[in-house]
N, C-alpha and C. Protein backbone atom coordinates (compact mmCIF):
# COMPACT_ATOMS: atom_id res chain seq x y z
N MET A 1 9.76 -8.55 -7.04
CA MET A 1 8.42 -8.17 -7.35
C MET A 1 8.34 -6.64 -7.42
N HIS A 2 7.69 -6.12 -8.43
CA HIS A 2 7.51 -4.68 -8.60
C HIS A 2 6.45 -4.17 -7.63
N ARG A 3 6.75 -3.11 -6.92
CA ARG A 3 5.78 -2.50 -6.02
C ARG A 3 5.59 -1.04 -6.44
N PRO A 4 4.36 -0.67 -6.80
CA PRO A 4 4.11 0.72 -7.20
C PRO A 4 4.22 1.65 -6.01
N ALA A 5 4.38 2.92 -6.28
CA ALA A 5 4.47 3.92 -5.23
C ALA A 5 3.17 3.99 -4.45
N CYS A 6 3.25 4.49 -3.23
CA CYS A 6 2.04 4.67 -2.42
C CYS A 6 1.04 5.52 -3.17
N GLY A 7 -0.22 5.24 -2.96
CA GLY A 7 -1.26 6.01 -3.62
C GLY A 7 -1.62 5.48 -4.98
N SER A 8 -0.94 4.45 -5.43
CA SER A 8 -1.25 3.87 -6.73
C SER A 8 -2.59 3.15 -6.66
N SER A 9 -3.34 3.21 -7.72
CA SER A 9 -4.59 2.48 -7.79
C SER A 9 -4.56 1.56 -8.99
N LEU A 10 -5.57 0.72 -9.10
CA LEU A 10 -5.63 -0.19 -10.24
C LEU A 10 -5.73 0.63 -11.51
N GLY A 11 -4.95 0.26 -12.48
CA GLY A 11 -4.96 0.97 -13.75
C GLY A 11 -5.57 0.10 -14.82
N GLY A 12 -5.12 0.27 -16.02
CA GLY A 12 -5.58 -0.58 -17.09
C GLY A 12 -6.72 0.03 -17.88
N LYS A 13 -7.08 -0.69 -18.91
CA LYS A 13 -8.12 -0.22 -19.81
C LYS A 13 -9.09 -1.35 -20.09
N ILE A 14 -10.26 -0.97 -20.53
CA ILE A 14 -11.23 -1.96 -20.96
C ILE A 14 -10.85 -2.36 -22.37
N GLU A 15 -10.61 -3.65 -22.56
CA GLU A 15 -10.25 -4.15 -23.88
C GLU A 15 -11.49 -4.16 -24.77
N ALA A 16 -11.29 -4.16 -26.07
CA ALA A 16 -12.39 -4.03 -27.03
C ALA A 16 -13.49 -5.06 -26.82
N ASP A 17 -13.12 -6.26 -26.42
CA ASP A 17 -14.12 -7.32 -26.29
C ASP A 17 -14.60 -7.52 -24.85
N GLN A 18 -14.33 -6.58 -23.95
CA GLN A 18 -14.69 -6.76 -22.55
C GLN A 18 -15.77 -5.78 -22.11
N ILE A 19 -16.59 -6.25 -21.16
CA ILE A 19 -17.50 -5.34 -20.49
C ILE A 19 -16.80 -4.85 -19.23
N LEU A 20 -17.30 -3.79 -18.63
CA LEU A 20 -16.65 -3.17 -17.47
C LEU A 20 -16.41 -4.17 -16.34
N ARG A 21 -17.36 -5.00 -16.04
CA ARG A 21 -17.21 -5.98 -14.95
C ARG A 21 -16.04 -6.93 -15.23
N ASP A 22 -15.94 -7.41 -16.46
CA ASP A 22 -14.86 -8.33 -16.80
C ASP A 22 -13.50 -7.63 -16.75
N ALA A 23 -13.47 -6.38 -17.18
CA ALA A 23 -12.23 -5.62 -17.15
C ALA A 23 -11.76 -5.41 -15.71
N LEU A 24 -12.69 -5.10 -14.81
CA LEU A 24 -12.34 -4.91 -13.41
C LEU A 24 -11.80 -6.20 -12.81
N ALA A 25 -12.46 -7.31 -13.06
CA ALA A 25 -11.99 -8.60 -12.55
C ALA A 25 -10.61 -8.93 -13.10
N ARG A 26 -10.38 -8.66 -14.39
CA ARG A 26 -9.08 -8.94 -14.99
C ARG A 26 -8.00 -8.09 -14.36
N GLU A 27 -8.26 -6.79 -14.16
CA GLU A 27 -7.27 -5.90 -13.56
C GLU A 27 -6.92 -6.32 -12.14
N ILE A 28 -7.92 -6.69 -11.36
CA ILE A 28 -7.65 -7.15 -9.99
C ILE A 28 -6.81 -8.42 -10.03
N SER A 29 -7.14 -9.32 -10.92
CA SER A 29 -6.37 -10.55 -11.06
C SER A 29 -4.93 -10.28 -11.47
N GLU A 30 -4.74 -9.39 -12.45
CA GLU A 30 -3.39 -9.10 -12.94
C GLU A 30 -2.55 -8.35 -11.92
N GLU A 31 -3.13 -7.37 -11.25
CA GLU A 31 -2.34 -6.49 -10.39
C GLU A 31 -2.27 -6.95 -8.95
N LEU A 32 -3.22 -7.75 -8.51
CA LEU A 32 -3.22 -8.19 -7.12
C LEU A 32 -3.11 -9.71 -6.97
N GLU A 33 -3.13 -10.44 -8.12
CA GLU A 33 -3.13 -11.90 -8.10
C GLU A 33 -4.22 -12.41 -7.16
N PHE A 34 -5.42 -11.85 -7.34
CA PHE A 34 -6.56 -12.15 -6.49
C PHE A 34 -7.77 -12.31 -7.39
N GLU A 35 -8.42 -13.45 -7.33
CA GLU A 35 -9.57 -13.71 -8.20
C GLU A 35 -10.84 -13.20 -7.54
N VAL A 36 -11.65 -12.47 -8.27
CA VAL A 36 -12.91 -11.97 -7.77
C VAL A 36 -14.02 -12.22 -8.78
N SER A 37 -15.23 -12.22 -8.28
CA SER A 37 -16.41 -12.25 -9.12
C SER A 37 -17.08 -10.90 -8.94
N VAL A 38 -17.14 -10.11 -9.97
CA VAL A 38 -17.67 -8.75 -9.87
C VAL A 38 -19.17 -8.79 -10.09
N GLY A 39 -19.89 -8.29 -9.12
CA GLY A 39 -21.35 -8.21 -9.23
C GLY A 39 -21.75 -6.83 -9.70
N GLU A 40 -22.77 -6.29 -9.09
CA GLU A 40 -23.26 -4.97 -9.46
C GLU A 40 -22.20 -3.92 -9.15
N LEU A 41 -21.89 -3.07 -10.11
CA LEU A 41 -20.92 -2.02 -9.90
C LEU A 41 -21.59 -0.83 -9.23
N LEU A 42 -20.97 -0.33 -8.20
CA LEU A 42 -21.53 0.80 -7.46
C LEU A 42 -20.75 2.05 -7.78
N SER A 43 -21.44 3.14 -7.90
CA SER A 43 -20.76 4.39 -8.23
C SER A 43 -20.73 5.36 -7.06
N LYS A 44 -21.21 4.93 -5.91
CA LYS A 44 -21.24 5.80 -4.74
C LYS A 44 -20.09 5.47 -3.79
N THR A 45 -19.74 6.44 -2.99
CA THR A 45 -18.79 6.22 -1.91
C THR A 45 -19.59 5.72 -0.71
N PRO A 46 -19.11 4.69 -0.02
CA PRO A 46 -19.86 4.21 1.15
C PRO A 46 -20.06 5.31 2.18
N VAL A 47 -21.22 5.32 2.79
CA VAL A 47 -21.53 6.25 3.88
C VAL A 47 -21.50 5.44 5.16
N LEU A 48 -20.67 5.85 6.08
CA LEU A 48 -20.53 5.12 7.33
C LEU A 48 -21.65 5.53 8.29
N THR A 49 -22.52 4.60 8.59
CA THR A 49 -23.62 4.88 9.52
C THR A 49 -23.40 4.24 10.88
N GLU A 50 -22.58 3.19 10.93
CA GLU A 50 -22.35 2.48 12.19
C GLU A 50 -20.87 2.26 12.50
N HIS A 51 -19.98 2.68 11.60
CA HIS A 51 -18.56 2.41 11.78
C HIS A 51 -17.76 3.69 11.63
N ALA A 52 -16.55 3.68 12.19
CA ALA A 52 -15.69 4.85 12.16
C ALA A 52 -14.89 4.97 10.88
N GLU A 53 -14.59 3.85 10.22
CA GLU A 53 -13.78 3.90 9.01
C GLU A 53 -13.97 2.64 8.17
N VAL A 54 -13.55 2.74 6.91
CA VAL A 54 -13.51 1.61 5.99
C VAL A 54 -12.06 1.42 5.61
N ARG A 55 -11.58 0.18 5.65
CA ARG A 55 -10.22 -0.09 5.20
C ARG A 55 -10.07 -1.53 4.79
N TRP A 56 -9.13 -1.78 3.87
CA TRP A 56 -8.82 -3.12 3.41
C TRP A 56 -7.76 -3.70 4.34
N LEU A 57 -7.93 -4.95 4.71
CA LEU A 57 -6.96 -5.64 5.56
C LEU A 57 -6.60 -6.98 4.95
N ALA A 58 -5.37 -7.38 5.16
CA ALA A 58 -4.96 -8.73 4.80
C ALA A 58 -5.56 -9.70 5.82
N PRO A 59 -5.81 -10.95 5.45
CA PRO A 59 -6.38 -11.89 6.41
C PRO A 59 -5.61 -11.95 7.73
N ALA A 60 -4.29 -11.86 7.69
CA ALA A 60 -3.49 -11.92 8.92
C ALA A 60 -3.69 -10.70 9.82
N GLU A 61 -4.23 -9.62 9.29
CA GLU A 61 -4.44 -8.40 10.07
C GLU A 61 -5.81 -8.34 10.74
N LEU A 62 -6.70 -9.25 10.40
CA LEU A 62 -8.06 -9.19 10.91
C LEU A 62 -8.13 -9.32 12.42
N SER A 63 -7.25 -10.11 13.00
CA SER A 63 -7.29 -10.30 14.46
C SER A 63 -6.85 -9.05 15.22
N ASP A 64 -6.34 -8.04 14.52
CA ASP A 64 -5.96 -6.78 15.16
C ASP A 64 -7.17 -5.95 15.57
N LEU A 65 -8.35 -6.30 15.05
CA LEU A 65 -9.55 -5.53 15.31
C LEU A 65 -10.47 -6.25 16.30
N GLU A 66 -11.33 -5.49 16.94
CA GLU A 66 -12.34 -6.07 17.81
C GLU A 66 -13.58 -6.35 16.96
N TRP A 67 -14.08 -7.59 16.99
CA TRP A 67 -15.20 -8.00 16.15
C TRP A 67 -16.42 -8.31 16.99
N ALA A 68 -17.58 -8.11 16.41
CA ALA A 68 -18.82 -8.53 17.04
C ALA A 68 -18.82 -10.05 17.12
N PRO A 69 -19.40 -10.60 18.17
CA PRO A 69 -19.40 -12.06 18.32
C PRO A 69 -19.92 -12.81 17.09
N THR A 70 -20.91 -12.26 16.41
CA THR A 70 -21.46 -12.95 15.23
C THR A 70 -20.50 -12.92 14.05
N ASP A 71 -19.53 -12.00 14.04
CA ASP A 71 -18.56 -11.92 12.95
C ASP A 71 -17.36 -12.84 13.14
N ILE A 72 -17.10 -13.26 14.35
CA ILE A 72 -15.88 -14.00 14.67
C ILE A 72 -15.74 -15.29 13.85
N PRO A 73 -16.78 -16.12 13.69
CA PRO A 73 -16.58 -17.33 12.88
C PRO A 73 -16.14 -17.03 11.44
N VAL A 74 -16.68 -15.98 10.83
CA VAL A 74 -16.29 -15.62 9.46
C VAL A 74 -14.86 -15.10 9.45
N VAL A 75 -14.51 -14.27 10.42
CA VAL A 75 -13.14 -13.74 10.52
C VAL A 75 -12.16 -14.89 10.66
N GLU A 76 -12.48 -15.87 11.51
CA GLU A 76 -11.58 -17.02 11.70
C GLU A 76 -11.45 -17.83 10.42
N LEU A 77 -12.54 -17.98 9.68
CA LEU A 77 -12.48 -18.69 8.40
C LEU A 77 -11.60 -17.95 7.40
N ILE A 78 -11.73 -16.64 7.34
CA ILE A 78 -10.91 -15.84 6.42
C ILE A 78 -9.44 -15.95 6.82
N GLU A 79 -9.16 -15.89 8.12
CA GLU A 79 -7.77 -16.02 8.58
C GLU A 79 -7.18 -17.38 8.19
N LYS A 80 -8.00 -18.40 8.29
CA LYS A 80 -7.53 -19.76 8.02
C LYS A 80 -7.38 -20.05 6.52
N THR A 81 -8.37 -19.61 5.73
CA THR A 81 -8.40 -19.99 4.32
C THR A 81 -8.01 -18.86 3.37
N GLY A 82 -8.05 -17.62 3.85
CA GLY A 82 -7.74 -16.48 3.00
C GLY A 82 -8.94 -15.94 2.25
N SER A 83 -10.13 -16.53 2.48
CA SER A 83 -11.33 -16.01 1.81
C SER A 83 -12.57 -16.29 2.65
N ALA A 84 -13.62 -15.55 2.33
CA ALA A 84 -14.89 -15.74 3.02
C ALA A 84 -15.69 -16.82 2.30
N PRO A 85 -16.71 -17.37 2.98
CA PRO A 85 -17.52 -18.42 2.34
C PRO A 85 -18.28 -17.90 1.13
């Protein structure tokens, strides 16, 4: 399997017959083998008001963090199935 260098981001182009949302979903599918439904596109960087950082984790890594009690059932579902409800 080809692995790009660190710091690589999703690339690709919007094809002539695609809208931005469809192009983003296609790129994620092609480069990460992960299906998504793209909703409203945001152009802002998240502002952390209650958390120290934002990061992407694999489902198997979720248990490495301390979760609020109300989040635990969703975290356990993601660990078990690989996706949220």
